[in-house]
C-alpha atoms as a PDB file:
ATOM      1  CA  MET A   1     146.714  97.425 320.529  1.00  0.00           C
ATOM      2  CA  LEU A   2     146.142  98.793 317.491  1.00  0.00           C
ATOM      3  CA  SER A   3     143.102  98.088 315.442  1.00  0.00           C
ATOM      4  CA  PHE A   4     142.908  97.290 311.963  1.00  0.00           C
ATOM      5  CA  CYS A   5     141.212  95.662 309.401  1.00  0.00           C
ATOM      6  CA  LYS A   6     142.384  93.446 306.354  1.00  0.00           C
ATOM      7  CA  PHE A   7     141.174  93.805 302.992  1.00  0.00           C
ATOM      8  CA  HIS A   8     141.981  92.437 299.385  1.00  0.00           C
ATOM      9  CA  GLY A   9     141.041  93.675 295.825  1.00  0.00           C
ATOM     10  CA  PHE A  10     141.106  90.455 293.504  1.00  0.00           C
ATOM     11  CA  GLY A  11     143.800  88.982 296.010  1.00  0.00           C
ATOM     12  CA  ASN A  12     145.755  92.568 296.134  1.00  0.00           C
ATOM     13  CA  ASP A  13     145.792  92.598 300.064  1.00  0.00           C
ATOM     14  CA  TYR A  14     146.030  95.701 302.364  1.00  0.00           C
ATOM     15  CA  ILE A  15     145.871  96.097 305.990  1.00  0.00           C
ATOM     16  CA  VAL A  16     143.642  99.313 306.936  1.00  0.00           C
ATOM     17  CA  PHE A  17     144.554 101.716 309.956  1.00  0.00           C
ATOM     18  CA  GLU A  18     143.171 104.944 311.013  1.00  0.00           C
ATOM     19  CA  ALA A  19     145.470 107.431 311.797  1.00  0.00           C
ATOM     20  CA  ASN A  20     144.820 108.096 315.042  1.00  0.00           C
ATOM     21  CA  GLN A  21     145.633 104.493 316.015  1.00  0.00           C
ATOM     22  CA  LEU A  22     149.291 105.201 314.598  1.00  0.00           C
ATOM     23  CA  LYS A  23     150.375 108.651 316.336  1.00  0.00           C
ATOM     24  CA  ASP A  24     152.662 107.007 318.749  1.00  0.00           C
ATOM     25  CA  VAL A  25     154.260 104.848 315.946  1.00  0.00           C
ATOM     26  CA  PHE A  26     157.730 106.313 315.417  1.00  0.00           C
ATOM     27  CA  SER A  27     158.404 105.198 311.890  1.00  0.00           C
ATOM     28  CA  LEU A  28     155.747 104.169 309.454  1.00  0.00           C
ATOM     29  CA  SER A  29     158.199 102.632 306.992  1.00  0.00           C
ATOM     30  CA  ASP A  30     159.625 100.500 309.887  1.00  0.00           C
ATOM     31  CA  PHE A  31     155.925  99.669 311.233  1.00  0.00           C
ATOM     32  CA  ALA A  32     154.754  98.840 307.477  1.00  0.00           C
ATOM     33  CA  ARG A  33     157.821  96.270 306.945  1.00  0.00           C
ATOM     34  CA  LEU A  34     156.912  94.617 310.233  1.00  0.00           C
ATOM     35  CA  VAL A  35     153.144  94.313 309.906  1.00  0.00           C
ATOM     36  CA  CYS A  36     153.183  93.356 306.051  1.00  0.00           C
ATOM     37  CA  HIS A  37     155.620  90.528 306.554  1.00  0.00           C
ATOM     38  CA  ARG A  38     153.867  87.044 305.532  1.00  0.00           C
ATOM     39  CA  ASN A  39     155.514  85.098 308.015  1.00  0.00           C
ATOM     40  CA  THR A  40     156.151  87.060 311.368  1.00  0.00           C
ATOM     41  CA  GLY A  41     153.365  89.872 310.663  1.00  0.00           C
ATOM     42  CA  VAL A  42     149.799  90.170 309.105  1.00  0.00           C
ATOM     43  CA  GLY A  43     150.989  89.834 305.835  1.00  0.00           C
ATOM     44  CA  GLY A  44     150.067  92.075 303.055  1.00  0.00           C
ATOM     45  CA  ASP A  45     150.939  94.158 299.912  1.00  0.00           C
ATOM     46  CA  GLY A  46     150.792  97.025 301.844  1.00  0.00           C
ATOM     47  CA  ILE A  47     149.223  99.503 304.556  1.00  0.00           C
ATOM     48  CA  ALA A  48     146.527 102.090 304.092  1.00  0.00           C
ATOM     49  CA  VAL A  49     146.132 104.452 306.911  1.00  0.00           C
ATOM     50  CA  LEU A  50     143.061 106.750 306.702  1.00  0.00           C
ATOM     51  CA  GLY A  51     143.133 110.397 308.206  1.00  0.00           C
ATOM     52  CA  GLU A  52     141.432 113.383 308.151  1.00  0.00           C
ATOM     53  CA  SER A  53     141.313 116.012 305.424  1.00  0.00           C
ATOM     54  CA  VAL A  54     140.400 119.466 304.325  1.00  0.00           C
ATOM     55  CA  ALA A  55     140.106 119.089 300.683  1.00  0.00           C
ATOM     56  CA  ALA A  56     138.066 115.827 300.901  1.00  0.00           C
ATOM     57  CA  ASP A  57     135.876 113.594 302.579  1.00  0.00           C
ATOM     58  CA  PHE A  58     139.265 111.703 303.834  1.00  0.00           C
ATOM     59  CA  ALA A  59     142.662 111.382 303.172  1.00  0.00           C
ATOM     60  CA  CYS A  60     144.882 108.164 302.683  1.00  0.00           C
ATOM     61  CA  ARG A  61     148.263 107.096 302.708  1.00  0.00           C
ATOM     62  CA  ILE A  62     149.584 103.784 301.068  1.00  0.00           C
ATOM     63  CA  ILE A  63     153.000 102.344 302.543  1.00  0.00           C
ATOM     64  CA  ASN A  64     154.281  99.500 300.547  1.00  0.00           C
ATOM     65  CA  PRO A  65     155.857  96.286 302.326  1.00  0.00           C
ATOM     66  CA  ASP A  66     159.405  97.666 301.872  1.00  0.00           C
ATOM     67  CA  GLY A  67     158.521 100.675 303.580  1.00  0.00           C
ATOM     68  CA  GLY A  68     158.473 103.089 300.733  1.00  0.00           C
ATOM     69  CA  GLU A  69     155.361 105.491 300.509  1.00  0.00           C
ATOM     70  CA  ALA A  70     153.544 105.008 296.996  1.00  0.00           C
ATOM     71  CA  ALA A  71     151.691 108.017 295.412  1.00  0.00           C
ATOM     72  CA  PHE A  72     148.765 106.385 295.095  1.00  0.00           C
ATOM     73  CA  SER A  73     147.053 102.516 294.881  1.00  0.00           C
ATOM     74  CA  GLY A  74     144.031 101.433 293.017  1.00  0.00           C
ATOM     75  CA  ASN A  75     143.096  98.506 295.364  1.00  0.00           C
ATOM     76  CA  GLY A  76     144.867  99.879 298.351  1.00  0.00           C
ATOM     77  CA  THR A  77     142.733 102.978 298.356  1.00  0.00           C
ATOM     78  CA  ARG A  78     139.925 100.731 297.418  1.00  0.00           C
ATOM     79  CA  CYS A  79     140.480  98.668 300.493  1.00  0.00           C
ATOM     80  CA  ALA A  80     140.486 101.758 302.396  1.00  0.00           C
ATOM     81  CA  VAL A  81     137.165 103.354 301.132  1.00  0.00           C
ATOM     82  CA  ALA A  82     135.566  99.668 301.841  1.00  0.00           C
ATOM     83  CA  TYR A  83     136.625  99.891 305.491  1.00  0.00           C
ATOM     84  CA  LEU A  84     134.884 103.377 306.059  1.00  0.00           C
ATOM     85  CA  TYR A  85     132.091 101.618 304.726  1.00  0.00           C
ATOM     86  CA  TYR A  86     132.246  98.621 306.713  1.00  0.00           C
ATOM     87  CA  LYS A  87     132.943 100.541 310.056  1.00  0.00           C
ATOM     88  CA  ASN A  88     129.895 103.008 309.083  1.00  0.00           C
ATOM     89  CA  LEU A  89     132.317 105.982 309.278  1.00  0.00           C
ATOM     90  CA  TRP A  90     130.878 106.740 305.608  1.00  0.00           C
ATOM     91  CA  THR A  91     127.587 106.060 304.354  1.00  0.00           C
ATOM     92  CA  ALA A  92     127.084 108.131 301.460  1.00  0.00           C
ATOM     93  CA  GLU A  93     127.383 106.927 297.727  1.00  0.00           C
ATOM     94  CA  ASN A  94     130.122 108.650 296.768  1.00  0.00           C
ATOM     95  CA  LEU A  95     133.100 109.836 298.615  1.00  0.00           C
ATOM     96  CA  LYS A  96     136.409 111.950 297.686  1.00  0.00           C
ATOM     97  CA  LEU A  97     139.730 110.854 298.958  1.00  0.00           C
ATOM     98  CA  GLU A  98     142.685 112.805 299.239  1.00  0.00           C
ATOM     99  CA  THR A  99     146.203 110.794 298.346  1.00  0.00           C
ATOM    100  CA  LYS A 100     149.336 112.174 297.791  1.00  0.00           C
ATOM    101  CA  SER A 101     148.583 111.855 293.560  1.00  0.00           C
ATOM    102  CA  GLY A 102     145.529 114.520 293.972  1.00  0.00           C
ATOM    103  CA  ILE A 103     141.853 113.745 295.116  1.00  0.00           C
ATOM    104  CA  LYS A 104     140.085 110.492 293.704  1.00  0.00           C
ATOM    105  CA  ASN A 105     136.009 110.069 293.599  1.00  0.00           C
ATOM    106  CA  TYR A 106     134.519 106.683 294.637  1.00  0.00           C
ATOM    107  CA  GLN A 107     131.176 105.573 294.021  1.00  0.00           C
ATOM    108  CA  LEU A 108     129.522 102.536 296.073  1.00  0.00           C
ATOM    109  CA  LEU A 109     127.809 100.566 293.287  1.00  0.00           C
ATOM    110  CA  GLU A 110     127.097  97.280 295.452  1.00  0.00           C
ATOM    111  CA  ARG A 111     127.659  95.973 298.699  1.00  0.00           C
ATOM    112  CA  GLU A 112     126.737  92.093 299.613  1.00  0.00           C
ATOM    113  CA  CYS A 113     127.732  91.235 303.206  1.00  0.00           C
ATOM    114  CA  ASN A 114     131.692  92.254 303.370  1.00  0.00           C
ATOM    115  CA  THR A 115     132.070  92.643 299.320  1.00  0.00           C
ATOM    116  CA  PHE A 116     132.008  96.080 298.198  1.00  0.00           C
ATOM    117  CA  TRP A 117     131.985  97.094 294.354  1.00  0.00           C
ATOM    118  CA  PHE A 118     133.446 100.801 293.605  1.00  0.00           C
ATOM    119  CA  ARG A 119     133.665 102.785 290.505  1.00  0.00           C
ATOM    120  CA  ALA A 120     136.873 105.017 290.864  1.00  0.00           C
ATOM    121  CA  GLU A 121     137.357 108.030 289.127  1.00  0.00           C
ATOM    122  CA  LEU A 122     141.299 107.986 288.841  1.00  0.00           C
ATOM    123  CA  GLY A 123     142.464 111.479 287.051  1.00  0.00           C
ATOM    124  CA  LYS A 124     144.049 111.741 283.610  1.00  0.00           C
ATOM    125  CA  PRO A 125     147.027 109.576 282.740  1.00  0.00           C
ATOM    126  CA  LYS A 126     150.361 111.735 282.361  1.00  0.00           C
ATOM    127  CA  SER A 127     153.715 111.878 280.228  1.00  0.00           C
ATOM    128  CA  ILE A 128     152.847 108.873 277.990  1.00  0.00           C
ATOM    129  CA  THR A 129     156.153 107.937 275.689  1.00  0.00           C
ATOM    130  CA  ASN A 130     157.321 105.148 274.146  1.00  0.00           C
ATOM    131  CA  TYR A 131     160.877 104.195 274.924  1.00  0.00           C
ATOM    132  CA  GLU A 132     163.672 100.940 274.262  1.00  0.00           C
ATOM    133  CA  LEU A 133     165.425  99.760 277.691  1.00  0.00           C
ATOM    134  CA  ARG A 134     168.614  97.942 277.542  1.00  0.00           C
ATOM    135  CA  ILE A 135     168.078  95.033 279.950  1.00  0.00           C
ATOM    136  CA  THR A 136     170.731  92.664 281.278  1.00  0.00           C
ATOM    137  CA  ASN A 137     170.723  88.972 279.664  1.00  0.00           C
ATOM    138  CA  TYR A 138     167.732  90.225 277.177  1.00  0.00           C
ATOM    139  CA  GLU A 139     169.137  89.941 273.391  1.00  0.00           C
ATOM    140  CA  LYS A 140     167.933  93.139 272.628  1.00  0.00           C
ATOM    141  CA  GLU A 141     166.452  96.581 273.648  1.00  0.00           C
ATOM    142  CA  LEU A 142     162.905  96.046 275.148  1.00  0.00           C
ATOM    143  CA  PRO A 143     160.196  98.321 273.850  1.00  0.00           C
ATOM    144  CA  ILE A 144     158.158  99.864 276.502  1.00  0.00           C
ATOM    145  CA  ILE A 145     155.179 102.362 277.379  1.00  0.00           C
ATOM    146  CA  GLU A 146     156.041 104.524 279.966  1.00  0.00           C
ATOM    147  CA  LEU A 147     153.297 106.503 281.623  1.00  0.00           C
ATOM    148  CA  ASN A 148     152.187 108.005 284.942  1.00  0.00           C
ATOM    149  CA  VAL A 149     148.592 107.131 286.247  1.00  0.00           C
ATOM    150  CA  GLY A 150     149.321 108.212 289.889  1.00  0.00           C
ATOM    151  CA  ASN A 151     152.140 105.858 290.070  1.00  0.00           C
ATOM    152  CA  PRO A 152     154.712 105.349 287.291  1.00  0.00           C
ATOM    153  CA  VAL A 153     154.198 102.107 285.321  1.00  0.00           C
ATOM    154  CA  ALA A 154     156.221 100.569 282.523  1.00  0.00           C
ATOM    155  CA  VAL A 155     154.062  98.517 280.099  1.00  0.00           C
ATOM    156  CA  VAL A 156     155.424  95.756 278.038  1.00  0.00           C
ATOM    157  CA  PHE A 157     153.642  93.981 275.460  1.00  0.00           C
ATOM    158  CA  THR A 158     153.829  90.215 275.151  1.00  0.00           C
ATOM    159  CA  LYS A 159     152.212  87.363 272.939  1.00  0.00           C
ATOM    160  CA  ASP A 160     153.448  84.823 275.642  1.00  0.00           C
ATOM    161  CA  PHE A 161     153.959  85.183 279.481  1.00  0.00           C
ATOM    162  CA  ASP A 162     155.983  81.750 279.444  1.00  0.00           C
ATOM    163  CA  ALA A 163     158.242  82.942 276.497  1.00  0.00           C
ATOM    164  CA  MET A 164     159.574  85.457 279.048  1.00  0.00           C
ATOM    165  CA  ASP A 165     160.954  85.648 282.534  1.00  0.00           C
ATOM    166  CA  TRP A 166     158.587  88.517 283.107  1.00  0.00           C
ATOM    167  CA  ARG A 167     159.161  88.320 287.037  1.00  0.00           C
ATOM    168  CA  GLU A 168     163.208  88.916 286.293  1.00  0.00           C
ATOM    169  CA  LEU A 169     162.442  91.440 283.921  1.00  0.00           C
ATOM    170  CA  GLY A 170     160.271  93.264 286.092  1.00  0.00           C
ATOM    171  CA  LYS A 171     162.254  92.739 288.910  1.00  0.00           C
ATOM    172  CA  GLU A 172     165.289  94.717 286.641  1.00  0.00           C
ATOM    173  CA  ILE A 173     162.972  97.302 285.250  1.00  0.00           C
ATOM    174  CA  GLU A 174     162.064  98.370 288.405  1.00  0.00           C
ATOM    175  CA  THR A 175     165.119  99.363 289.594  1.00  0.00           C
ATOM    176  CA  HIS A 176     166.413  99.974 286.216  1.00  0.00           C
ATOM    177  CA  SER A 177     168.523 103.622 286.142  1.00  0.00           C
ATOM    178  CA  HIS A 178     165.999 105.002 283.920  1.00  0.00           C
ATOM    179  CA  PHE A 179     163.666 104.857 286.822  1.00  0.00           C
ATOM    180  CA  PRO A 180     165.664 107.074 289.781  1.00  0.00           C
ATOM    181  CA  GLU A 181     162.262 106.505 291.865  1.00  0.00           C
ATOM    182  CA  ARG A 182     161.848 102.898 290.732  1.00  0.00           C
ATOM    183  CA  THR A 183     158.387 101.978 288.537  1.00  0.00           C
ATOM    184  CA  ASN A 184     155.851  99.615 288.707  1.00  0.00           C
ATOM    185  CA  VAL A 185     155.846  97.128 285.583  1.00  0.00           C
ATOM    186  CA  VAL A 186     152.699  95.490 283.876  1.00  0.00           C
ATOM    187  CA  PHE A 187     153.233  92.781 281.212  1.00  0.00           C
ATOM    188  CA  VAL A 188     149.927  92.822 278.717  1.00  0.00           C
ATOM    189  CA  LYS A 189     149.033  90.414 276.208  1.00  0.00           C
ATOM    190  CA  ILE A 190     146.152  91.148 274.118  1.00  0.00           C
ATOM    191  CA  ILE A 191     143.307  88.869 273.789  1.00  0.00           C
ATOM    192  CA  ASP A 192     140.805  91.169 271.303  1.00  0.00           C
ATOM    193  CA  GLU A 193     139.593  94.653 271.321  1.00  0.00           C
ATOM    194  CA  GLN A 194     137.834  94.519 274.364  1.00  0.00           C
ATOM    195  CA  ASN A 195     139.852  92.136 276.326  1.00  0.00           C
ATOM    196  CA  ILE A 196     143.414  91.964 277.863  1.00  0.00           C
ATOM    197  CA  GLU A 197     145.492  89.632 280.152  1.00  0.00           C
ATOM    198  CA  ILE A 198     148.188  91.420 282.478  1.00  0.00           C
ATOM    199  CA  ARG A 199     150.816  90.071 284.800  1.00  0.00           C
ATOM    200  CA  ILE A 200     152.188  92.333 287.505  1.00  0.00           C
ATOM    201  CA  TRP A 201     155.577  93.419 289.046  1.00  0.00           C
ATOM    202  CA  GLU A 202     154.670  96.212 291.854  1.00  0.00           C
ATOM    203  CA  ARG A 203     157.221  98.893 292.644  1.00  0.00           C
ATOM    204  CA  GLY A 204     157.857  97.983 296.542  1.00  0.00           C
ATOM    205  CA  ALA A 205     156.219  94.743 296.356  1.00  0.00           C
ATOM    206  CA  GLY A 206     157.114  92.596 293.880  1.00  0.00           C
ATOM    207  CA  GLU A 207     154.719  90.016 292.097  1.00  0.00           C
ATOM    208  CA  THR A 208     150.997  90.606 292.893  1.00  0.00           C
ATOM    209  CA  ALA A 209     147.875  88.910 291.754  1.00  0.00           C
ATOM    210  CA  SER A 210     146.250  92.125 290.865  1.00  0.00           C
ATOM    211  CA  SER A 211     146.846  96.218 290.905  1.00  0.00           C
ATOM    212  CA  GLY A 212     144.216  98.919 290.161  1.00  0.00           C
ATOM    213  CA  THR A 213     147.077 101.303 288.811  1.00  0.00           C
ATOM    214  CA  CYS A 214     148.457  98.618 286.832  1.00  0.00           C
ATOM    215  CA  SER A 215     145.083  97.661 285.221  1.00  0.00           C
ATOM    216  CA  ILE A 216     144.471 101.221 284.066  1.00  0.00           C
ATOM    217  CA  ALA A 217     148.230 101.704 283.076  1.00  0.00           C
ATOM    218  CA  ALA A 218     147.518  98.435 280.819  1.00  0.00           C
ATOM    219  CA  ALA A 219     144.131  99.907 279.494  1.00  0.00           C
ATOM    220  CA  VAL A 220     145.448 102.917 278.730  1.00  0.00           C
ATOM    221  CA  ALA A 221     148.755 101.868 276.999  1.00  0.00           C
ATOM    222  CA  SER A 222     146.689  99.464 274.903  1.00  0.00           C
ATOM    223  CA  ALA A 223     144.434 101.961 273.723  1.00  0.00           C
ATOM    224  CA  PHE A 224     147.039 104.677 273.168  1.00  0.00           C
ATOM    225  CA  THR A 225     148.999 102.061 270.666  1.00  0.00           C
ATOM    226  CA  GLY A 226     145.809 101.021 268.883  1.00  0.00           C
ATOM    227  CA  LYS A 227     145.686  97.684 269.903  1.00  0.00           C
ATOM    228  CA  THR A 228     142.565  98.071 271.607  1.00  0.00           C
ATOM    229  CA  ASN A 229     139.299 100.133 272.264  1.00  0.00           C
ATOM    230  CA  ARG A 230     139.221 102.673 275.616  1.00  0.00           C
ATOM    231  CA  LYS A 231     136.864 100.524 277.481  1.00  0.00           C
ATOM    232  CA  VAL A 232     138.397  96.853 278.180  1.00  0.00           C
ATOM    233  CA  SER A 233     138.334  94.102 280.950  1.00  0.00           C
ATOM    234  CA  VAL A 234     141.461  93.461 282.618  1.00  0.00           C
ATOM    235  CA  ARG A 235     142.177  90.035 283.381  1.00  0.00           C
ATOM    236  CA  ALA A 236     144.954  89.580 286.223  1.00  0.00           C
ATOM    237  CA  GLU A 237     145.341  86.197 288.401  1.00  0.00           C
ATOM    238  CA  GLY A 238     143.351  87.441 291.245  1.00  0.00           C
ATOM    239  CA  GLY A 239     140.439  88.545 289.196  1.00  0.00           C
ATOM    240  CA  THR A 240     139.280  91.091 286.287  1.00  0.00           C
ATOM    241  CA  THR A 241     139.131  94.975 286.780  1.00  0.00           C
ATOM    242  CA  GLU A 242     136.848  97.160 284.224  1.00  0.00           C
ATOM    243  CA  ALA A 243     138.861 100.024 282.783  1.00  0.00           C
ATOM    244  CA  VAL A 244     137.924 102.583 280.914  1.00  0.00           C
ATOM    245  CA  TRP A 245     139.943 105.381 279.314  1.00  0.00           C
ATOM    246  CA  ARG A 246     137.055 107.920 278.685  1.00  0.00           C
ATOM    247  CA  GLU A 247     137.497 109.706 275.461  1.00  0.00           C
ATOM    248  CA  GLU A 248     135.560 112.820 275.923  1.00  0.00           C
ATOM    249  CA  ASP A 249     138.002 114.237 278.714  1.00  0.00           C
ATOM    250  CA  ASP A 250     140.927 111.560 279.337  1.00  0.00           C
ATOM    251  CA  GLU A 251     139.814 110.331 282.763  1.00  0.00           C
ATOM    252  CA  MET A 252     140.624 107.356 283.946  1.00  0.00           C
ATOM    253  CA  LEU A 253     137.797 104.993 285.751  1.00  0.00           C
ATOM    254  CA  ILE A 254     138.127 101.542 287.171  1.00  0.00           C
ATOM    255  CA  THR A 255     135.545  99.322 288.465  1.00  0.00           C
ATOM    256  CA  GLY A 256     136.640  96.654 291.231  1.00  0.00           C
ATOM    257  CA  ARG A 257     135.723  95.242 294.260  1.00  0.00           C
ATOM    258  CA  ALA A 258     137.301  94.850 297.897  1.00  0.00           C
ATOM    259  CA  ASP A 259     136.327  92.123 300.313  1.00  0.00           C
ATOM    260  CA  LEU A 260     136.972  92.225 303.856  1.00  0.00           C
ATOM    261  CA  VAL A 261     139.623  89.341 305.262  1.00  0.00           C
ATOM    262  CA  PHE A 262     139.673  89.961 309.013  1.00  0.00           C
ATOM    263  CA  CYS A 263     139.965  92.556 311.668  1.00  0.00           C
ATOM    264  CA  GLY A 264     142.329  92.121 314.515  1.00  0.00           C
ATOM    265  CA  GLU A 265     144.487  94.110 317.016  1.00  0.00           C
ATOM    266  CA  TRP A 266     148.548  94.283 316.713  1.00  0.00           C
ATOM    267  CA  LEU A 267     150.341  94.339 319.765  1.00  0.00           C
ATOM    268  CA  GLU A 268     152.987  97.032 320.479  1.00  0.00           C
ATOM    269  CA  ASN A 269     156.407  95.829 320.756  1.00  0.00           C
END
């Protein structure tokens, strides 16, 4: 039996395992597909696997529901860090987490029962470019902001989510030939200089209620194009993430929560 705990960050849910529990699992990709299935598994937007690290306090791998491995997940790693506090595997205020996209810093701001609030430092955005994409059944080339915030993200600005079939657009953009390794897609509506609203199509997961990486990418792209300030509230369907693109050093920060859903055991087949 493989012990796990399921957490969610604003509705974006991850199943957290310790790496030593999975040492006999032949394929993490196949395992993630089984466990994340909404009908026949635990159900989740991915699994987070915590292990030892030489460079940081812990290491974390994120495997998507389709079996692909993500370089990083803002909500997924936040869920993993919450697991460490919940299990009393870590008690200090600050924690360094090694990911495929580098070491990220987490600060525990507040704990209320099984709800954990963190501020995370995610590094600097890379390769911010404007691009126009030819999309099937779209009347003209679609302007996007392309950037990397630990994961690749394509940002599309819109004045009305209902005016476009953003799910179909997201699905096509994710696998567009311009993105050979696929991409996350976030649709952004500007409310004012301090507030934006988003809809999310995640690489390997599809539509999600929230995403830390998509939230910070939306915030960076909005500030980069002069539409907002560098500090914004990012409203997703699952909840609001506070995002900062710090001016003095270009560091990206997000503040959000992780909630325990339940813990259990997966019976090995």
